[in-house]
Amino acid sequence: MKKLYRSATDKKIAGVVGGLAEYLSVDASLLRILTVIVGFMTAFMPIFLVYFIWYFVVPEEGTN
C-alpha cells in the first residue's frame, strides 16, 4: 500500500505538491500548474489553507 508523504527530493517550497504527485503517479510540474490555476480561480485563500494544513499533517518522506 502506498503512503502519502511530503517529498524530500522533489520540492519547491515544502514538498507538498511533489509528494502528492508521487502518490498519484503524475508529473509534479503538471500538478504545480494545476495548483496555481486553482489558486487563481479561488482567490488563493483555500489553496493556501490546504497547503498550510498539509505541511503540518503529512510527514516528510524518510520519517516515520
PDB file of N, CA and C in Angstrom:
ATOM      1  N   MET A   1       0.833  -1.175   0.000  1.00  0.00           N
ATOM      2  CA  MET A   1       0.000   0.000   0.000  1.00  0.00           C
ATOM      3  C   MET A   1       0.887   1.251   0.000  1.00  0.00           C
ATOM      4  N   LYS A   2       0.530   2.218  -0.847  1.00  0.00           N
ATOM      5  CA  LYS A   2       1.292   3.452  -0.928  1.00  0.00           C
ATOM      6  C   LYS A   2       0.985   4.343   0.270  1.00  0.00           C
ATOM      7  N   LYS A   3       2.009   5.041   0.737  1.00  0.00           N
ATOM      8  CA  LYS A   3       1.824   6.000   1.822  1.00  0.00           C
ATOM      9  C   LYS A   3       2.017   7.404   1.282  1.00  0.00           C
ATOM     10  N   LEU A   4       1.305   8.323   1.857  1.00  0.00           N
ATOM     11  CA  LEU A   4       1.357   9.709   1.437  1.00  0.00           C
ATOM     12  C   LEU A   4       2.386  10.458   2.286  1.00  0.00           C
ATOM     13  N   TYR A   5       3.399  11.013   1.623  1.00  0.00           N
ATOM     14  CA  TYR A   5       4.442  11.773   2.288  1.00  0.00           C
ATOM     15  C   TYR A   5       4.692  13.059   1.524  1.00  0.00           C
ATOM     16  N   ARG A   6       5.252  14.065   2.217  1.00  0.00           N
ATOM     17  CA  ARG A   6       5.786  15.231   1.527  1.00  0.00           C
ATOM     18  C   ARG A   6       7.120  14.804   0.937  1.00  0.00           C
ATOM     19  N   SER A   7       7.392  15.204  -0.282  1.00  0.00           N
ATOM     20  CA  SER A   7       8.615  14.774  -0.959  1.00  0.00           C
ATOM     21  C   SER A   7       9.837  15.467  -0.363  1.00  0.00           C
ATOM     22  N   ALA A   8      10.884  14.690  -0.164  1.00  0.00           N
ATOM     23  CA  ALA A   8      12.145  15.250   0.323  1.00  0.00           C
ATOM     24  C   ALA A   8      13.050  15.646  -0.843  1.00  0.00           C
ATOM     25  N   THR A   9      12.775  15.105  -2.026  1.00  0.00           N
ATOM     26  CA  THR A   9      13.644  15.368  -3.175  1.00  0.00           C
ATOM     27  C   THR A   9      13.000  16.258  -4.221  1.00  0.00           C
ATOM     28  N   ASP A  10      11.706  16.121  -4.445  1.00  0.00           N
ATOM     29  CA  ASP A  10      11.017  16.891  -5.478  1.00  0.00           C
ATOM     30  C   ASP A  10      10.186  17.985  -4.821  1.00  0.00           C
ATOM     31  N   LYS A  11      10.863  19.014  -4.332  1.00  0.00           N
ATOM     32  CA  LYS A  11      10.136  20.074  -3.656  1.00  0.00           C
ATOM     33  C   LYS A  11      10.611  21.438  -4.105  1.00  0.00           C
ATOM     34  N   LYS A  12       9.672  22.360  -4.130  1.00  0.00           N
ATOM     35  CA  LYS A  12       9.970  23.761  -4.435  1.00  0.00           C
ATOM     36  C   LYS A  12       9.861  24.596  -3.164  1.00  0.00           C
ATOM     37  N   ILE A  13       8.844  24.330  -2.358  1.00  0.00           N
ATOM     38  CA  ILE A  13       8.671  25.052  -1.097  1.00  0.00           C
ATOM     39  C   ILE A  13       8.798  24.079   0.078  1.00  0.00           C
ATOM     40  N   ALA A  14       7.833  23.176   0.201  1.00  0.00           N
ATOM     41  CA  ALA A  14       7.850  22.246   1.333  1.00  0.00           C
ATOM     42  C   ALA A  14       7.669  20.790   0.928  1.00  0.00           C
ATOM     43  N   GLY A  15       7.581  20.501  -0.363  1.00  0.00           N
ATOM     44  CA  GLY A  15       7.428  19.135  -0.825  1.00  0.00           C
ATOM     45  C   GLY A  15       6.003  18.628  -0.853  1.00  0.00           C
ATOM     46  N   VAL A  16       5.046  19.516  -0.603  1.00  0.00           N
ATOM     47  CA  VAL A  16       3.644  19.114  -0.555  1.00  0.00           C
ATOM     48  C   VAL A  16       3.168  18.629  -1.916  1.00  0.00           C
ATOM     49  N   VAL A  17       3.324  19.435  -2.941  1.00  0.00           N
ATOM     50  CA  VAL A  17       2.855  19.074  -4.277  1.00  0.00           C
ATOM     51  C   VAL A  17       3.697  17.930  -4.852  1.00  0.00           C
ATOM     52  N   GLY A  18       4.986  17.922  -4.585  1.00  0.00           N
ATOM     53  CA  GLY A  18       5.841  16.835  -5.055  1.00  0.00           C
ATOM     54  C   GLY A  18       5.440  15.505  -4.460  1.00  0.00           C
ATOM     55  N   GLY A  19       5.100  15.486  -3.189  1.00  0.00           N
ATOM     56  CA  GLY A  19       4.651  14.261  -2.542  1.00  0.00           C
ATOM     57  C   GLY A  19       3.314  13.783  -3.076  1.00  0.00           C
ATOM     58  N   LEU A  20       2.405  14.717  -3.314  1.00  0.00           N
ATOM     59  CA  LEU A  20       1.108  14.353  -3.876  1.00  0.00           C
ATOM     60  C   LEU A  20       1.267  13.823  -5.297  1.00  0.00           C
ATOM     61  N   ALA A  21       2.169  14.414  -6.057  1.00  0.00           N
ATOM     62  CA  ALA A  21       2.425  13.945  -7.424  1.00  0.00           C
ATOM     63  C   ALA A  21       2.987  12.527  -7.412  1.00  0.00           C
ATOM     64  N   GLU A  22       3.892  12.234  -6.499  1.00  0.00           N
ATOM     65  CA  GLU A  22       4.426  10.873  -6.389  1.00  0.00           C
ATOM     66  C   GLU A  22       3.323   9.890  -6.009  1.00  0.00           C
ATOM     67  N   TYR A  23       2.468  10.279  -5.084  1.00  0.00           N
ATOM     68  CA  TYR A  23       1.385   9.411  -4.631  1.00  0.00           C
ATOM     69  C   TYR A  23       0.398   9.121  -5.758  1.00  0.00           C
ATOM     70  N   LEU A  24       0.086  10.143  -6.564  1.00  0.00           N
ATOM     71  CA  LEU A  24      -0.879   9.992  -7.648  1.00  0.00           C
ATOM     72  C   LEU A  24      -0.242   9.500  -8.947  1.00  0.00           C
ATOM     73  N   SER A  25       1.069   9.385  -8.974  1.00  0.00           N
ATOM     74  CA  SER A  25       1.824   8.963 -10.160  1.00  0.00           C
ATOM     75  C   SER A  25       1.579   9.886 -11.349  1.00  0.00           C
ATOM     76  N   VAL A  26       1.662  11.194 -11.092  1.00  0.00           N
ATOM     77  CA  VAL A  26       1.546  12.199 -12.146  1.00  0.00           C
ATOM     78  C   VAL A  26       2.784  13.092 -12.106  1.00  0.00           C
ATOM     79  N   ASP A  27       2.976  13.857 -13.160  1.00  0.00           N
ATOM     80  CA  ASP A  27       4.108  14.763 -13.237  1.00  0.00           C
ATOM     81  C   ASP A  27       3.928  15.912 -12.239  1.00  0.00           C
ATOM     82  N   ALA A  28       4.952  16.180 -11.444  1.00  0.00           N
ATOM     83  CA  ALA A  28       4.866  17.223 -10.431  1.00  0.00           C
ATOM     84  C   ALA A  28       4.680  18.605 -11.051  1.00  0.00           C
ATOM     85  N   SER A  29       5.295  18.856 -12.207  1.00  0.00           N
ATOM     86  CA  SER A  29       5.138  20.158 -12.860  1.00  0.00           C
ATOM     87  C   SER A  29       3.693  20.394 -13.275  1.00  0.00           C
ATOM     88  N   LEU A  30       3.052  19.373 -13.791  1.00  0.00           N
ATOM     89  CA  LEU A  30       1.646  19.482 -14.180  1.00  0.00           C
ATOM     90  C   LEU A  30       0.774  19.773 -12.964  1.00  0.00           C
ATOM     91  N   LEU A  31       1.036  19.086 -11.876  1.00  0.00           N
ATOM     92  CA  LEU A  31       0.262  19.301 -10.658  1.00  0.00           C
ATOM     93  C   LEU A  31       0.506  20.694 -10.090  1.00  0.00           C
ATOM     94  N   ARG A  32       1.724  21.198 -10.191  1.00  0.00           N
ATOM     95  CA  ARG A  32       2.018  22.568  -9.731  1.00  0.00           C
ATOM     96  C   ARG A  32       1.256  23.594 -10.567  1.00  0.00           C
ATOM     97  N   ILE A  33       1.216  23.383 -11.876  1.00  0.00           N
ATOM     98  CA  ILE A  33       0.472  24.293 -12.756  1.00  0.00           C
ATOM     99  C   ILE A  33      -1.013  24.265 -12.405  1.00  0.00           C
ATOM    100  N   LEU A  34      -1.566  23.072 -12.194  1.00  0.00           N
ATOM    101  CA  LEU A  34      -2.971  22.957 -11.809  1.00  0.00           C
ATOM    102  C   LEU A  34      -3.244  23.628 -10.468  1.00  0.00           C
ATOM    103  N   THR A  35      -2.298  23.529  -9.542  1.00  0.00           N
ATOM    104  CA  THR A  35      -2.450  24.163  -8.243  1.00  0.00           C
ATOM    105  C   THR A  35      -2.518  25.681  -8.388  1.00  0.00           C
ATOM    106  N   VAL A  36      -1.663  26.241  -9.235  1.00  0.00           N
ATOM    107  CA  VAL A  36      -1.680  27.689  -9.466  1.00  0.00           C
ATOM    108  C   VAL A  36      -2.985  28.117 -10.130  1.00  0.00           C
ATOM    109  N   ILE A  37      -3.453  27.341 -11.102  1.00  0.00           N
ATOM    110  CA  ILE A  37      -4.714  27.667 -11.776  1.00  0.00           C
ATOM    111  C   ILE A  37      -5.873  27.644 -10.784  1.00  0.00           C
ATOM    112  N   VAL A  38      -5.934  26.606  -9.963  1.00  0.00           N
ATOM    113  CA  VAL A  38      -6.994  26.528  -8.951  1.00  0.00           C
ATOM    114  C   VAL A  38      -6.854  27.687  -7.964  1.00  0.00           C
ATOM    115  N   GLY A  39      -5.635  28.044  -7.628  1.00  0.00           N
ATOM    116  CA  GLY A  39      -5.419  29.180  -6.735  1.00  0.00           C
ATOM    117  C   GLY A  39      -5.970  30.472  -7.301  1.00  0.00           C
ATOM    118  N   PHE A  40      -5.730  30.724  -8.577  1.00  0.00           N
ATOM    119  CA  PHE A  40      -6.271  31.922  -9.217  1.00  0.00           C
ATOM    120  C   PHE A  40      -7.799  31.895  -9.253  1.00  0.00           C
ATOM    121  N   MET A  41      -8.361  30.734  -9.492  1.00  0.00           N
ATOM    122  CA  MET A  41      -9.813  30.622  -9.593  1.00  0.00           C
ATOM    123  C   MET A  41     -10.513  30.781  -8.246  1.00  0.00           C
ATOM    124  N   THR A  42      -9.810  30.532  -7.157  1.00  0.00           N
ATOM    125  CA  THR A  42     -10.419  30.616  -5.819  1.00  0.00           C
ATOM    126  C   THR A  42      -9.829  31.742  -4.986  1.00  0.00           C
ATOM    127  N   ALA A  43      -9.161  32.678  -5.627  1.00  0.00           N
ATOM    128  CA  ALA A  43      -8.545  33.828  -4.946  1.00  0.00           C
ATOM    129  C   ALA A  43      -7.492  33.397  -3.921  1.00  0.00           C
ATOM    130  N   PHE A  44      -6.871  32.249  -4.117  1.00  0.00           N
ATOM    131  CA  PHE A  44      -5.736  31.714  -3.343  1.00  0.00           C
ATOM    132  C   PHE A  44      -6.034  31.315  -1.900  1.00  0.00           C
ATOM    133  N   MET A  45      -7.042  31.839  -1.277  1.00  0.00           N
ATOM    134  CA  MET A  45      -7.260  31.561   0.146  1.00  0.00           C
ATOM    135  C   MET A  45      -7.422  30.074   0.453  1.00  0.00           C
ATOM    136  N   PRO A  46      -8.329  29.347  -0.208  1.00  0.00           N
ATOM    137  CA  PRO A  46      -8.465  27.924   0.134  1.00  0.00           C
ATOM    138  C   PRO A  46      -7.202  27.116  -0.153  1.00  0.00           C
ATOM    139  N   ILE A  47      -6.502  27.433  -1.234  1.00  0.00           N
ATOM    140  CA  ILE A  47      -5.309  26.666  -1.592  1.00  0.00           C
ATOM    141  C   ILE A  47      -4.194  26.894  -0.570  1.00  0.00           C
ATOM    142  N   PHE A  48      -4.055  28.122  -0.056  1.00  0.00           N
ATOM    143  CA  PHE A  48      -3.065  28.387   0.982  1.00  0.00           C
ATOM    144  C   PHE A  48      -3.417  27.649   2.269  1.00  0.00           C
ATOM    145  N   LEU A  49      -4.689  27.619   2.601  1.00  0.00           N
ATOM    146  CA  LEU A  49      -5.126  26.926   3.805  1.00  0.00           C
ATOM    147  C   LEU A  49      -4.856  25.425   3.707  1.00  0.00           C
ATOM    148  N   VAL A  50      -5.192  24.823   2.573  1.00  0.00           N
ATOM    149  CA  VAL A  50      -4.945  23.392   2.366  1.00  0.00           C
ATOM    150  C   VAL A  50      -3.451  23.102   2.401  1.00  0.00           C
ATOM    151  N   TYR A  51      -2.656  23.929   1.735  1.00  0.00           N
ATOM    152  CA  TYR A  51      -1.209  23.737   1.710  1.00  0.00           C
ATOM    153  C   TYR A  51      -0.632  23.832   3.124  1.00  0.00           C
ATOM    154  N   PHE A  52      -1.064  24.818   3.889  1.00  0.00           N
ATOM    155  CA  PHE A  52      -0.578  25.018   5.256  1.00  0.00           C
ATOM    156  C   PHE A  52      -0.931  23.822   6.140  1.00  0.00           C
ATOM    157  N   ILE A  53      -2.155  23.352   6.058  1.00  0.00           N
ATOM    158  CA  ILE A  53      -2.577  22.191   6.850  1.00  0.00           C
ATOM    159  C   ILE A  53      -1.793  20.952   6.435  1.00  0.00           C
ATOM    160  N   TRP A  54      -1.648  20.761   5.114  1.00  0.00           N
ATOM    161  CA  TRP A  54      -0.924  19.602   4.588  1.00  0.00           C
ATOM    162  C   TRP A  54       0.516  19.584   5.110  1.00  0.00           C
ATOM    163  N   TYR A  55       1.153  20.749   5.160  1.00  0.00           N
ATOM    164  CA  TYR A  55       2.540  20.850   5.609  1.00  0.00           C
ATOM    165  C   TYR A  55       2.705  20.306   7.032  1.00  0.00           C
ATOM    166  N   PHE A  56       1.738  20.564   7.889  1.00  0.00           N
ATOM    167  CA  PHE A  56       1.857  20.132   9.275  1.00  0.00           C
ATOM    168  C   PHE A  56       1.293  18.737   9.538  1.00  0.00           C
ATOM    169  N   VAL A  57       0.393  18.262   8.688  1.00  0.00           N
ATOM    170  CA  VAL A  57      -0.260  16.976   8.935  1.00  0.00           C
ATOM    171  C   VAL A  57       0.486  15.816   8.267  1.00  0.00           C
ATOM    172  N   VAL A  58       0.938  16.000   7.045  1.00  0.00           N
ATOM    173  CA  VAL A  58       1.572  14.915   6.290  1.00  0.00           C
ATOM    174  C   VAL A  58       3.074  14.879   6.622  1.00  0.00           C
ATOM    175  N   PRO A  59       3.596  13.737   7.035  1.00  0.00           N
ATOM    176  CA  PRO A  59       5.016  13.647   7.380  1.00  0.00           C
ATOM    177  C   PRO A  59       5.904  13.718   6.146  1.00  0.00           C
ATOM    178  N   GLU A  60       7.142  14.177   6.357  1.00  0.00           N
ATOM    179  CA  GLU A  60       8.096  14.246   5.249  1.00  0.00           C
ATOM    180  C   GLU A  60       8.626  12.844   4.952  1.00  0.00           C
ATOM    181  N   GLU A  61       8.934  12.617   3.700  1.00  0.00           N
ATOM    182  CA  GLU A  61       9.478  11.338   3.243  1.00  0.00           C
ATOM    183  C   GLU A  61      10.742  11.001   4.031  1.00  0.00           C
ATOM    184  N   GLY A  62      10.854   9.779   4.469  1.00  0.00           N
ATOM    185  CA  GLY A  62      12.033   9.346   5.207  1.00  0.00           C
ATOM    186  C   GLY A  62      11.837   9.377   6.718  1.00  0.00           C
ATOM    187  N   THR A  63      10.718   9.944   7.186  1.00  0.00           N
ATOM    188  CA  THR A  63      10.424   9.931   8.613  1.00  0.00           C
ATOM    189  C   THR A  63       9.300   8.945   8.868  1.00  0.00           C
ATOM    190  N   ASN A  64       9.184   8.492  10.082  1.00  0.00           N
ATOM    191  CA  ASN A  64       8.115   7.524  10.399  1.00  0.00           C
ATOM    192  C   ASN A  64       6.951   8.220  10.884  1.00  0.00           C
TER     193      ASN A  64
END
